[in-house]
Each structure stands twice: as C-alpha cells, then as structure tokens.
Amino acid sequence: MTAEQMIGLALALIVMFIGAAGTLLPVIPGTPIIFAAALVHRLYFQEHGPDTWVLLILGLLAGFAFLLDYIAGMIGATGRFARVGRAD
C-alpha cells in the first residue's frame, strides 16, 4: 500500500466517522456523507477502492434510510403527538 493510498483511506475513514456522528447529531447529515465518502474513494482510487457491489448496497441502504426518514416525519407530523394549532 502506497502512502497516497494510506492517506486516501485515512481521509475516507475520517469523513465516514463524521457521517456516523450524524446518526447522533441531527445537524450533520450522516447518510449522504458516508455514501459520498465511499463514492469519492472509489472514483479516486478506481480498482483499489470499494467494489461496485459495495457501492450499490450502500446506495440502496442510503435510499432506504431517506425513505424511512420521510415516512417517520409524515407519521410524526400527523400522529397523536403532533402539536399543530395547540399552544400549551
């Protein structure tokens, strides 16, 4: 492994850890950051980056996470805990 590959891997891991922090910190969009880090790593290092099937699985998981986030927002906005029109 060359020095360039080690630096690239380290940067990708740092960005992925920042994305993982986004699962706990609502300010950081974790899912797109993790997917973008894997995609940029693949585009820069080509055959030395993650395989295409890994990126496809990550992309499917990212899409599923966005869908669940949207559905949860819809349920939360219309559920019994919605606070529309009520001032306490």
PDB file of N, CA and C in Angstrom:
ATOM      1  N   MET A   1       0.851  -1.170   0.000  1.00  0.00           N
ATOM      2  CA  MET A   1       0.000   0.000   0.000  1.00  0.00           C
ATOM      3  C   MET A   1       0.896   1.231   0.000  1.00  0.00           C
ATOM      4  N   THR A   2       0.628   2.122  -0.936  1.00  0.00           N
ATOM      5  CA  THR A   2       1.449   3.320  -1.057  1.00  0.00           C
ATOM      6  C   THR A   2       1.006   4.371  -0.045  1.00  0.00           C
ATOM      7  N   ALA A   3       1.823   5.399   0.100  1.00  0.00           N
ATOM      8  CA  ALA A   3       1.497   6.489   1.026  1.00  0.00           C
ATOM      9  C   ALA A   3       0.236   7.210   0.574  1.00  0.00           C
ATOM     10  N   GLU A   4       0.062   7.377  -0.737  1.00  0.00           N
ATOM     11  CA  GLU A   4      -1.134   8.035  -1.269  1.00  0.00           C
ATOM     12  C   GLU A   4      -2.397   7.244  -0.911  1.00  0.00           C
ATOM     13  N   GLN A   5      -2.325   5.932  -1.015  1.00  0.00           N
ATOM     14  CA  GLN A   5      -3.473   5.093  -0.675  1.00  0.00           C
ATOM     15  C   GLN A   5      -3.769   5.145   0.820  1.00  0.00           C
ATOM     16  N   MET A   6      -2.740   5.177   1.629  1.00  0.00           N
ATOM     17  CA  MET A   6      -2.948   5.248   3.075  1.00  0.00           C
ATOM     18  C   MET A   6      -3.594   6.570   3.475  1.00  0.00           C
ATOM     19  N   ILE A   7      -3.144   7.658   2.868  1.00  0.00           N
ATOM     20  CA  ILE A   7      -3.732   8.967   3.159  1.00  0.00           C
ATOM     21  C   ILE A   7      -5.183   9.008   2.688  1.00  0.00           C
ATOM     22  N   GLY A   8      -5.441   8.480   1.493  1.00  0.00           N
ATOM     23  CA  GLY A   8      -6.806   8.454   0.974  1.00  0.00           C
ATOM     24  C   GLY A   8      -7.737   7.630   1.841  1.00  0.00           C
ATOM     25  N   LEU A   9      -7.267   6.490   2.291  1.00  0.00           N
ATOM     26  CA  LEU A   9      -8.073   5.647   3.170  1.00  0.00           C
ATOM     27  C   LEU A   9      -8.320   6.337   4.505  1.00  0.00           C
ATOM     28  N   ALA A  10      -7.298   6.978   5.046  1.00  0.00           N
ATOM     29  CA  ALA A  10      -7.457   7.690   6.318  1.00  0.00           C
ATOM     30  C   ALA A  10      -8.468   8.821   6.188  1.00  0.00           C
ATOM     31  N   LEU A  11      -8.390   9.584   5.089  1.00  0.00           N
ATOM     32  CA  LEU A  11      -9.352  10.667   4.877  1.00  0.00           C
ATOM     33  C   LEU A  11     -10.771  10.134   4.724  1.00  0.00           C
ATOM     34  N   ALA A  12     -10.927   9.055   3.969  1.00  0.00           N
ATOM     35  CA  ALA A  12     -12.246   8.457   3.794  1.00  0.00           C
ATOM     36  C   ALA A  12     -12.810   7.976   5.130  1.00  0.00           C
ATOM     37  N   LEU A  13     -11.977   7.363   5.952  1.00  0.00           N
ATOM     38  CA  LEU A  13     -12.437   6.893   7.263  1.00  0.00           C
ATOM     39  C   LEU A  13     -12.821   8.047   8.183  1.00  0.00           C
ATOM     40  N   ILE A  14     -12.054   9.127   8.141  1.00  0.00           N
ATOM     41  CA  ILE A  14     -12.374  10.296   8.967  1.00  0.00           C
ATOM     42  C   ILE A  14     -13.726  10.871   8.556  1.00  0.00           C
ATOM     43  N   VAL A  15     -13.935  11.004   7.242  1.00  0.00           N
ATOM     44  CA  VAL A  15     -15.214  11.535   6.756  1.00  0.00           C
ATOM     45  C   VAL A  15     -16.356  10.585   7.110  1.00  0.00           C
ATOM     46  N   MET A  16     -16.118   9.287   7.029  1.00  0.00           N
ATOM     47  CA  MET A  16     -17.161   8.323   7.395  1.00  0.00           C
ATOM     48  C   MET A  16     -17.480   8.380   8.884  1.00  0.00           C
ATOM     49  N   PHE A  17     -16.463   8.589   9.736  1.00  0.00           N
ATOM     50  CA  PHE A  17     -16.726   8.739  11.171  1.00  0.00           C
ATOM     51  C   PHE A  17     -17.527  10.006  11.460  1.00  0.00           C
ATOM     52  N   ILE A  18     -17.258  11.076  10.708  1.00  0.00           N
ATOM     53  CA  ILE A  18     -18.059  12.293  10.843  1.00  0.00           C
ATOM     54  C   ILE A  18     -19.505  11.995  10.439  1.00  0.00           C
ATOM     55  N   GLY A  19     -19.680  11.230   9.357  1.00  0.00           N
ATOM     56  CA  GLY A  19     -21.023  10.838   8.943  1.00  0.00           C
ATOM     57  C   GLY A  19     -21.700   9.962   9.979  1.00  0.00           C
ATOM     58  N   ALA A  20     -20.941   9.073  10.606  1.00  0.00           N
ATOM     59  CA  ALA A  20     -21.511   8.222  11.652  1.00  0.00           C
ATOM     60  C   ALA A  20     -21.932   9.057  12.854  1.00  0.00           C
ATOM     61  N   ALA A  21     -21.221  10.146  13.124  1.00  0.00           N
ATOM     62  CA  ALA A  21     -21.635  11.047  14.202  1.00  0.00           C
ATOM     63  C   ALA A  21     -22.970  11.697  13.861  1.00  0.00           C
ATOM     64  N   GLY A  22     -23.282  11.785  12.591  1.00  0.00           N
ATOM     65  CA  GLY A  22     -24.561  12.340  12.170  1.00  0.00           C
ATOM     66  C   GLY A  22     -25.752  11.500  12.576  1.00  0.00           C
ATOM     67  N   THR A  23     -25.529  10.254  12.975  1.00  0.00           N
ATOM     68  CA  THR A  23     -26.640   9.454  13.473  1.00  0.00           C
ATOM     69  C   THR A  23     -27.070   9.917  14.860  1.00  0.00           C
ATOM     70  N   LEU A  24     -26.169  10.591  15.579  1.00  0.00           N
ATOM     71  CA  LEU A  24     -26.490  11.103  16.910  1.00  0.00           C
ATOM     72  C   LEU A  24     -26.704  12.614  16.926  1.00  0.00           C
ATOM     73  N   LEU A  25     -26.067  13.314  16.015  1.00  0.00           N
ATOM     74  CA  LEU A  25     -26.177  14.775  15.946  1.00  0.00           C
ATOM     75  C   LEU A  25     -27.072  15.153  14.764  1.00  0.00           C
ATOM     76  N   PRO A  26     -28.236  15.728  15.016  1.00  0.00           N
ATOM     77  CA  PRO A  26     -29.167  16.000  13.923  1.00  0.00           C
ATOM     78  C   PRO A  26     -28.696  17.076  12.942  1.00  0.00           C
ATOM     79  N   VAL A  27     -27.662  17.813  13.281  1.00  0.00           N
ATOM     80  CA  VAL A  27     -27.163  18.863  12.398  1.00  0.00           C
ATOM     81  C   VAL A  27     -26.377  18.276  11.227  1.00  0.00           C
ATOM     82  N   ILE A  28     -25.751  17.127  11.438  1.00  0.00           N
ATOM     83  CA  ILE A  28     -24.889  16.514  10.428  1.00  0.00           C
ATOM     84  C   ILE A  28     -25.690  15.462   9.648  1.00  0.00           C
ATOM     85  N   PRO A  29     -25.779  15.603   8.315  1.00  0.00           N
ATOM     86  CA  PRO A  29     -26.487  14.589   7.523  1.00  0.00           C
ATOM     87  C   PRO A  29     -25.610  13.351   7.327  1.00  0.00           C
ATOM     88  N   GLY A  30     -25.734  12.378   8.201  1.00  0.00           N
ATOM     89  CA  GLY A  30     -24.827  11.237   8.231  1.00  0.00           C
ATOM     90  C   GLY A  30     -24.864  10.348   7.007  1.00  0.00           C
ATOM     91  N   THR A  31     -26.049   9.968   6.562  1.00  0.00           N
ATOM     92  CA  THR A  31     -26.166   9.018   5.451  1.00  0.00           C
ATOM     93  C   THR A  31     -25.518   9.530   4.173  1.00  0.00           C
ATOM     94  N   PRO A  32     -25.810  10.754   3.720  1.00  0.00           N
ATOM     95  CA  PRO A  32     -25.163  11.210   2.486  1.00  0.00           C
ATOM     96  C   PRO A  32     -23.655  11.393   2.615  1.00  0.00           C
ATOM     97  N   ILE A  33     -23.182  11.744   3.803  1.00  0.00           N
ATOM     98  CA  ILE A  33     -21.742  11.933   3.994  1.00  0.00           C
ATOM     99  C   ILE A  33     -21.019  10.590   3.880  1.00  0.00           C
ATOM    100  N   ILE A  34     -21.572   9.565   4.498  1.00  0.00           N
ATOM    101  CA  ILE A  34     -20.943   8.242   4.424  1.00  0.00           C
ATOM    102  C   ILE A  34     -20.932   7.730   2.991  1.00  0.00           C
ATOM    103  N   PHE A  35     -22.059   7.863   2.290  1.00  0.00           N
ATOM    104  CA  PHE A  35     -22.127   7.396   0.905  1.00  0.00           C
ATOM    105  C   PHE A  35     -21.191   8.204   0.006  1.00  0.00           C
ATOM    106  N   ALA A  36     -21.148   9.514   0.196  1.00  0.00           N
ATOM    107  CA  ALA A  36     -20.261  10.353  -0.616  1.00  0.00           C
ATOM    108  C   ALA A  36     -18.792  10.003  -0.390  1.00  0.00           C
ATOM    109  N   ALA A  37     -18.415   9.707   0.852  1.00  0.00           N
ATOM    110  CA  ALA A  37     -17.027   9.337   1.136  1.00  0.00           C
ATOM    111  C   ALA A  37     -16.658   8.045   0.415  1.00  0.00           C
ATOM    112  N   ALA A  38     -17.544   7.058   0.442  1.00  0.00           N
ATOM    113  CA  ALA A  38     -17.261   5.793  -0.242  1.00  0.00           C
ATOM    114  C   ALA A  38     -17.207   5.998  -1.755  1.00  0.00           C
ATOM    115  N   LEU A  39     -18.101   6.820  -2.288  1.00  0.00           N
ATOM    116  CA  LEU A  39     -18.136   7.061  -3.730  1.00  0.00           C
ATOM    117  C   LEU A  39     -16.896   7.820  -4.202  1.00  0.00           C
ATOM    118  N   VAL A  40     -16.506   8.851  -3.474  1.00  0.00           N
ATOM    119  CA  VAL A  40     -15.307   9.620  -3.850  1.00  0.00           C
ATOM    120  C   VAL A  40     -14.064   8.743  -3.749  1.00  0.00           C
ATOM    121  N   HIS A  41     -14.005   7.910  -2.724  1.00  0.00           N
ATOM    122  CA  HIS A  41     -12.867   6.999  -2.580  1.00  0.00           C
ATOM    123  C   HIS A  41     -12.797   6.057  -3.780  1.00  0.00           C
ATOM    124  N   ARG A  42     -13.929   5.537  -4.209  1.00  0.00           N
ATOM    125  CA  ARG A  42     -13.967   4.638  -5.378  1.00  0.00           C
ATOM    126  C   ARG A  42     -13.568   5.376  -6.648  1.00  0.00           C
ATOM    127  N   LEU A  43     -14.078   6.589  -6.837  1.00  0.00           N
ATOM    128  CA  LEU A  43     -13.760   7.336  -8.050  1.00  0.00           C
ATOM    129  C   LEU A  43     -12.286   7.734  -8.108  1.00  0.00           C
ATOM    130  N   TYR A  44     -11.689   8.034  -6.969  1.00  0.00           N
ATOM    131  CA  TYR A  44     -10.292   8.449  -6.957  1.00  0.00           C
ATOM    132  C   TYR A  44      -9.341   7.263  -7.109  1.00  0.00           C
ATOM    133  N   PHE A  45      -9.614   6.175  -6.412  1.00  0.00           N
ATOM    134  CA  PHE A  45      -8.692   5.040  -6.421  1.00  0.00           C
ATOM    135  C   PHE A  45      -9.101   3.927  -7.380  1.00  0.00           C
ATOM    136  N   GLN A  46     -10.191   4.082  -8.102  1.00  0.00           N
ATOM    137  CA  GLN A  46     -10.715   3.127  -9.078  1.00  0.00           C
ATOM    138  C   GLN A  46     -10.705   1.693  -8.565  1.00  0.00           C
ATOM    139  N   GLU A  47      -9.864   0.820  -9.109  1.00  0.00           N
ATOM    140  CA  GLU A  47      -9.929  -0.601  -8.741  1.00  0.00           C
ATOM    141  C   GLU A  47      -9.427  -0.878  -7.326  1.00  0.00           C
ATOM    142  N   HIS A  48      -8.755   0.086  -6.705  1.00  0.00           N
ATOM    143  CA  HIS A  48      -8.271  -0.110  -5.342  1.00  0.00           C
ATOM    144  C   HIS A  48      -9.297   0.342  -4.304  1.00  0.00           C
ATOM    145  N   GLY A  49     -10.391   0.947  -4.753  1.00  0.00           N
ATOM    146  CA  GLY A  49     -11.451   1.383  -3.841  1.00  0.00           C
ATOM    147  C   GLY A  49     -12.455   0.268  -3.625  1.00  0.00           C
ATOM    148  N   PRO A  50     -13.574   0.590  -2.993  1.00  0.00           N
ATOM    149  CA  PRO A  50     -14.589  -0.436  -2.751  1.00  0.00           C
ATOM    150  C   PRO A  50     -15.170  -0.949  -4.069  1.00  0.00           C
ATOM    151  N   ASP A  51     -15.589  -2.198  -4.066  1.00  0.00           N
ATOM    152  CA  ASP A  51     -16.171  -2.792  -5.264  1.00  0.00           C
ATOM    153  C   ASP A  51     -17.492  -2.117  -5.605  1.00  0.00           C
ATOM    154  N   THR A  52     -17.922  -2.332  -6.846  1.00  0.00           N
ATOM    155  CA  THR A  52     -19.168  -1.734  -7.313  1.00  0.00           C
ATOM    156  C   THR A  52     -20.358  -2.263  -6.520  1.00  0.00           C
ATOM    157  N   TRP A  53     -20.353  -3.547  -6.184  1.00  0.00           N
ATOM    158  CA  TRP A  53     -21.494  -4.093  -5.443  1.00  0.00           C
ATOM    159  C   TRP A  53     -21.582  -3.504  -4.041  1.00  0.00           C
ATOM    160  N   VAL A  54     -20.435  -3.130  -3.464  1.00  0.00           N
ATOM    161  CA  VAL A  54     -20.450  -2.478  -2.146  1.00  0.00           C
ATOM    162  C   VAL A  54     -21.115  -1.110  -2.258  1.00  0.00           C
ATOM    163  N   LEU A  55     -20.773  -0.367  -3.316  1.00  0.00           N
ATOM    164  CA  LEU A  55     -21.395   0.943  -3.515  1.00  0.00           C
ATOM    165  C   LEU A  55     -22.887   0.812  -3.801  1.00  0.00           C
ATOM    166  N   LEU A  56     -23.274  -0.214  -4.538  1.00  0.00           N
ATOM    167  CA  LEU A  56     -24.696  -0.431  -4.800  1.00  0.00           C
ATOM    168  C   LEU A  56     -25.455  -0.721  -3.506  1.00  0.00           C
ATOM    169  N   ILE A  57     -24.885  -1.548  -2.654  1.00  0.00           N
ATOM    170  CA  ILE A  57     -25.530  -1.855  -1.372  1.00  0.00           C
ATOM    171  C   ILE A  57     -25.599  -0.600  -0.507  1.00  0.00           C
ATOM    172  N   LEU A  58     -24.515   0.178  -0.458  1.00  0.00           N
ATOM    173  CA  LEU A  58     -24.536   1.427   0.306  1.00  0.00           C
ATOM    174  C   LEU A  58     -25.570   2.400  -0.249  1.00  0.00           C
ATOM    175  N   GLY A  59     -25.670   2.468  -1.572  1.00  0.00           N
ATOM    176  CA  GLY A  59     -26.666   3.338  -2.193  1.00  0.00           C
ATOM    177  C   GLY A  59     -28.084   2.903  -1.870  1.00  0.00           C
ATOM    178  N   LEU A  60     -28.339   1.599  -1.897  1.00  0.00           N
ATOM    179  CA  LEU A  60     -29.665   1.091  -1.538  1.00  0.00           C
ATOM    180  C   LEU A  60     -29.986   1.371  -0.071  1.00  0.00           C
ATOM    181  N   LEU A  61     -29.011   1.168   0.800  1.00  0.00           N
ATOM    182  CA  LEU A  61     -29.225   1.454   2.217  1.00  0.00           C
ATOM    183  C   LEU A  61     -29.448   2.950   2.454  1.00  0.00           C
ATOM    184  N   ALA A  62     -28.729   3.795   1.723  1.00  0.00           N
ATOM    185  CA  ALA A  62     -28.921   5.238   1.861  1.00  0.00           C
ATOM    186  C   ALA A  62     -30.320   5.631   1.394  1.00  0.00           C
ATOM    187  N   GLY A  63     -30.752   5.075   0.266  1.00  0.00           N
ATOM    188  CA  GLY A  63     -32.107   5.358  -0.216  1.00  0.00           C
ATOM    189  C   GLY A  63     -33.170   4.883   0.759  1.00  0.00           C
ATOM    190  N   PHE A  64     -32.967   3.707   1.340  1.00  0.00           N
ATOM    191  CA  PHE A  64     -33.900   3.180   2.329  1.00  0.00           C
ATOM    192  C   PHE A  64     -33.933   4.065   3.572  1.00  0.00           C
ATOM    193  N   ALA A  65     -32.776   4.582   3.981  1.00  0.00           N
ATOM    194  CA  ALA A  65     -32.721   5.475   5.144  1.00  0.00           C
ATOM    195  C   ALA A  65     -33.478   6.769   4.869  1.00  0.00           C
ATOM    196  N   PHE A  66     -33.327   7.321   3.658  1.00  0.00           N
ATOM    197  CA  PHE A  66     -34.074   8.530   3.300  1.00  0.00           C
ATOM    198  C   PHE A  66     -35.573   8.265   3.301  1.00  0.00           C
ATOM    199  N   LEU A  67     -35.978   7.110   2.767  1.00  0.00           N
ATOM    200  CA  LEU A  67     -37.390   6.748   2.737  1.00  0.00           C
ATOM    201  C   LEU A  67     -37.954   6.612   4.149  1.00  0.00           C
ATOM    202  N   LEU A  68     -37.233   5.920   5.019  1.00  0.00           N
ATOM    203  CA  LEU A  68     -37.685   5.772   6.396  1.00  0.00           C
ATOM    204  C   LEU A  68     -37.752   7.118   7.119  1.00  0.00           C
ATOM    205  N   ASP A  69     -36.794   7.994   6.849  1.00  0.00           N
ATOM    206  CA  ASP A  69     -36.799   9.315   7.466  1.00  0.00           C
ATOM    207  C   ASP A  69     -38.024  10.106   7.009  1.00  0.00           C
ATOM    208  N   TYR A  70     -38.360  10.009   5.738  1.00  0.00           N
ATOM    209  CA  TYR A  70     -39.532  10.698   5.203  1.00  0.00           C
ATOM    210  C   TYR A  70     -40.814  10.135   5.815  1.00  0.00           C
ATOM    211  N   ILE A  71     -40.926   8.811   5.854  1.00  0.00           N
ATOM    212  CA  ILE A  71     -42.125   8.173   6.409  1.00  0.00           C
ATOM    213  C   ILE A  71     -42.262   8.500   7.896  1.00  0.00           C
ATOM    214  N   ALA A  72     -41.165   8.465   8.632  1.00  0.00           N
ATOM    215  CA  ALA A  72     -41.217   8.789  10.065  1.00  0.00           C
ATOM    216  C   ALA A  72     -41.647  10.234  10.277  1.00  0.00           C
ATOM    217  N   GLY A  73     -41.183  11.123   9.421  1.00  0.00           N
ATOM    218  CA  GLY A  73     -41.610  12.519   9.511  1.00  0.00           C
ATOM    219  C   GLY A  73     -43.090  12.682   9.231  1.00  0.00           C
ATOM    220  N   MET A  74     -43.592  11.941   8.265  1.00  0.00           N
ATOM    221  CA  MET A  74     -45.024  12.007   7.941  1.00  0.00           C
ATOM    222  C   MET A  74     -45.863  11.450   9.084  1.00  0.00           C
ATOM    223  N   ILE A  75     -45.439  10.348   9.653  1.00  0.00           N
ATOM    224  CA  ILE A  75     -46.188   9.754  10.762  1.00  0.00           C
ATOM    225  C   ILE A  75     -46.115  10.661  11.996  1.00  0.00           C
ATOM    226  N   GLY A  76     -44.949  11.193  12.249  1.00  0.00           N
ATOM    227  CA  GLY A  76     -44.794  12.073  13.407  1.00  0.00           C
ATOM    228  C   GLY A  76     -45.574  13.363  13.259  1.00  0.00           C
ATOM    229  N   ALA A  77     -45.706  13.861  12.027  1.00  0.00           N
ATOM    230  CA  ALA A  77     -46.415  15.110  11.794  1.00  0.00           C
ATOM    231  C   ALA A  77     -47.922  14.940  11.875  1.00  0.00           C
ATOM    232  N   THR A  78     -48.407  13.716  11.690  1.00  0.00           N
ATOM    233  CA  THR A  78     -49.853  13.507  11.704  1.00  0.00           C
ATOM    234  C   THR A  78     -50.299  12.615  12.851  1.00  0.00           C
ATOM    235  N   GLY A  79     -49.373  12.142  13.648  1.00  0.00           N
ATOM    236  CA  GLY A  79     -49.709  11.223  14.734  1.00  0.00           C
ATOM    237  C   GLY A  79     -50.345  11.932  15.911  1.00  0.00           C
ATOM    238  N   ARG A  80     -50.590  11.191  16.950  1.00  0.00           N
ATOM    239  CA  ARG A  80     -51.288  11.766  18.094  1.00  0.00           C
ATOM    240  C   ARG A  80     -50.409  12.720  18.888  1.00  0.00           C
ATOM    241  N   PHE A  81     -49.110  12.743  18.630  1.00  0.00           N
ATOM    242  CA  PHE A  81     -48.225  13.665  19.332  1.00  0.00           C
ATOM    243  C   PHE A  81     -47.956  14.931  18.534  1.00  0.00           C
ATOM    244  N   ALA A  82     -48.676  15.131  17.427  1.00  0.00           N
ATOM    245  CA  ALA A  82     -48.495  16.341  16.628  1.00  0.00           C
ATOM    246  C   ALA A  82     -48.994  17.544  17.424  1.00  0.00           C
ATOM    247  N   ARG A  83     -48.302  18.670  17.293  1.00  0.00           N
ATOM    248  CA  ARG A  83     -48.615  19.834  18.111  1.00  0.00           C
ATOM    249  C   ARG A  83     -49.162  20.983  17.257  1.00  0.00           C
ATOM    250  N   VAL A  84     -49.890  20.673  16.204  1.00  0.00           N
ATOM    251  CA  VAL A  84     -50.399  21.715  15.299  1.00  0.00           C
ATOM    252  C   VAL A  84     -51.581  22.423  15.953  1.00  0.00           C
ATOM    253  N   GLY A  85     -51.513  23.727  16.026  1.00  0.00           N
ATOM    254  CA  GLY A  85     -52.643  24.517  16.498  1.00  0.00           C
ATOM    255  C   GLY A  85     -52.862  24.512  17.995  1.00  0.00           C
ATOM    256  N   ARG A  86     -51.969  23.924  18.740  1.00  0.00           N
ATOM    257  CA  ARG A  86     -52.143  23.871  20.189  1.00  0.00           C
ATOM    258  C   ARG A  86     -51.019  24.645  20.857  1.00  0.00           C
ATOM    259  N   ALA A  87     -51.402  25.564  21.698  1.00  0.00           N
ATOM    260  CA  ALA A  87     -50.403  26.327  22.458  1.00  0.00           C
ATOM    261  C   ALA A  87     -50.536  25.950  23.932  1.00  0.00           C
ATOM    262  N   ASP A  88     -49.504  25.362  24.458  1.00  0.00           N
ATOM    263  CA  ASP A  88     -49.559  24.976  25.877  1.00  0.00           C
ATOM    264  C   ASP A  88     -48.854  25.980  26.724  1.00  0.00           C
TER     265      ASP A  88
END
